[in-house]
Amino acid sequence: MKKPTVARSKLTEKQFELIAKALADPRRMQLLEVIAGEQECACQTLREAFPVSKATISHHLKELVRAGLIEAHREGQFLNCEVRREVLEAYTAELLRRAGGTLKTPAA
């Protein structure tokens, strides 16, 4: 699936809205957390972790890909997903900018 391009720390209005809508769904947020916990997450891992149908997981993954939050690629008959961390960083930066905040780095 083709991934939307994201300039470093800059999202279009449409990309920002797609991400916000994708993350508003609790199940998608849970899927994203599981995927982010691994370098690359097999779709089968998600099916085992969530008691929902294969079609439901597929729908949620499609929405996360559409928002640009994950990248999904096939290896033979298997589908693997990984989080696009640069997109999450750009979304966080834009969300903080809109809220009038700044990103604080933890003290060493």
Protein backbone atom coordinates (compact mmCIF):
# COMPACT_ATOMS: atom_id res chain seq x y z
CA MET A 1 0.00 0.00 0.00
CA LYS A 2 1.26 3.43 -0.90
CA LYS A 3 2.17 5.54 2.12
CA PRO A 4 1.52 9.29 2.22
CA THR A 5 4.67 11.37 2.22
CA VAL A 6 5.31 13.48 5.30
CA ALA A 7 7.83 16.27 5.31
CA ARG A 8 9.92 16.31 8.45
CA SER A 9 7.70 17.57 11.29
CA LYS A 10 5.04 18.90 8.90
CA LEU A 11 1.63 17.45 8.11
CA THR A 12 -1.04 18.67 5.74
CA GLU A 13 -4.44 19.52 7.21
CA LYS A 14 -5.89 16.36 5.62
CA GLN A 15 -3.13 14.15 7.05
CA PHE A 16 -3.64 15.67 10.50
CA GLU A 17 -7.40 14.98 10.32
CA LEU A 18 -6.90 11.40 9.08
CA ILE A 19 -4.53 10.66 11.96
CA ALA A 20 -6.83 12.28 14.54
CA LYS A 21 -9.79 10.20 13.29
CA ALA A 22 -7.74 7.01 13.20
CA LEU A 23 -6.48 7.50 16.77
CA ALA A 24 -9.96 8.39 18.06
CA ASP A 25 -11.03 4.76 17.75
CA PRO A 26 -9.98 2.82 20.89
CA ARG A 27 -9.43 -0.45 18.98
CA ARG A 28 -7.14 1.23 16.44
CA MET A 29 -5.21 2.87 19.25
CA GLN A 30 -4.76 -0.56 20.88
CA LEU A 31 -3.60 -2.05 17.57
CA LEU A 32 -1.12 0.79 17.10
CA GLU A 33 0.27 0.21 20.60
CA VAL A 34 0.81 -3.49 19.91
CA ILE A 35 2.43 -2.79 16.53
CA ALA A 36 4.66 -0.11 18.07
CA GLY A 37 5.86 -2.60 20.68
CA GLU A 38 7.70 -4.57 18.00
CA GLN A 39 10.11 -3.70 15.21
CA GLU A 40 7.77 -5.44 12.80
CA CYS A 41 4.44 -6.97 13.78
CA ALA A 42 2.85 -9.90 11.97
CA CYS A 43 -0.88 -9.63 11.33
CA GLN A 44 -1.24 -13.08 12.92
CA THR A 45 0.08 -11.61 16.20
CA LEU A 46 -2.72 -9.04 16.09
CA ARG A 47 -5.32 -11.71 15.39
CA GLU A 48 -4.13 -13.64 18.43
CA ALA A 49 -4.07 -10.53 20.65
CA PHE A 50 -7.56 -9.25 19.80
CA PRO A 51 -10.78 -11.27 19.96
CA VAL A 52 -12.25 -9.82 16.77
CA SER A 53 -12.64 -11.12 13.24
CA LYS A 54 -9.91 -11.06 10.63
CA ALA A 55 -12.06 -8.63 8.62
CA THR A 56 -12.30 -6.23 11.57
CA ILE A 57 -8.53 -6.22 12.07
CA SER A 58 -8.06 -5.75 8.34
CA HIS A 59 -10.41 -2.75 8.36
CA HIS A 60 -8.58 -1.11 11.28
CA LEU A 61 -5.18 -1.74 9.68
CA LYS A 62 -6.43 -0.20 6.44
CA GLU A 63 -7.45 2.95 8.34
CA LEU A 64 -4.06 3.15 10.09
CA VAL A 65 -2.29 2.76 6.73
CA ARG A 66 -4.57 5.38 5.15
CA ALA A 67 -3.69 7.80 7.94
CA GLY A 68 -0.01 7.08 7.32
CA LEU A 69 0.57 5.76 10.86
CA ILE A 70 1.70 2.30 9.83
CA GLU A 71 3.28 0.69 6.83
CA ALA A 72 2.02 -2.76 5.85
CA HIS A 73 3.88 -5.07 3.52
CA ARG A 74 3.50 -8.65 2.40
CA GLU A 75 6.08 -11.35 2.76
CA GLY A 76 4.65 -14.29 0.89
CA GLN A 77 1.22 -14.96 2.37
CA PHE A 78 1.95 -12.98 5.54
CA LEU A 79 1.22 -9.32 6.21
CA ASN A 80 3.63 -7.43 8.46
CA CYS A 81 3.12 -3.95 9.89
CA GLU A 82 5.41 -1.38 11.39
CA VAL A 83 4.78 2.03 12.90
CA ARG A 84 5.93 5.07 10.97
CA ARG A 85 7.43 6.87 13.94
CA GLU A 86 8.29 9.97 11.93
CA VAL A 87 4.56 10.44 11.25
CA LEU A 88 3.72 10.06 14.95
CA GLU A 89 6.40 12.62 15.77
CA ALA A 90 5.03 15.05 13.17
CA TYR A 91 1.48 14.55 14.49
CA THR A 92 2.59 15.12 18.09
CA ALA A 93 4.49 18.26 17.13
CA GLU A 94 1.50 19.64 15.21
CA LEU A 95 -0.91 18.76 18.02
CA LEU A 96 1.30 20.57 20.53
CA ARG A 97 1.63 23.55 18.19
CA ARG A 98 -2.16 23.79 17.87
CA ALA A 99 -2.61 23.47 21.62
CA GLY A 100 -0.01 26.15 22.25
CA GLY A 101 2.37 23.80 24.03
CA THR A 102 5.90 22.69 23.50
CA LEU A 103 7.47 19.27 23.52
CA LYS A 104 9.43 18.77 26.73
CA THR A 105 12.35 16.43 26.78
CA PRO A 106 12.96 14.41 29.95
CA ALA A 107 15.77 15.60 32.20
CA ALA A 108 18.86 13.41 32.04
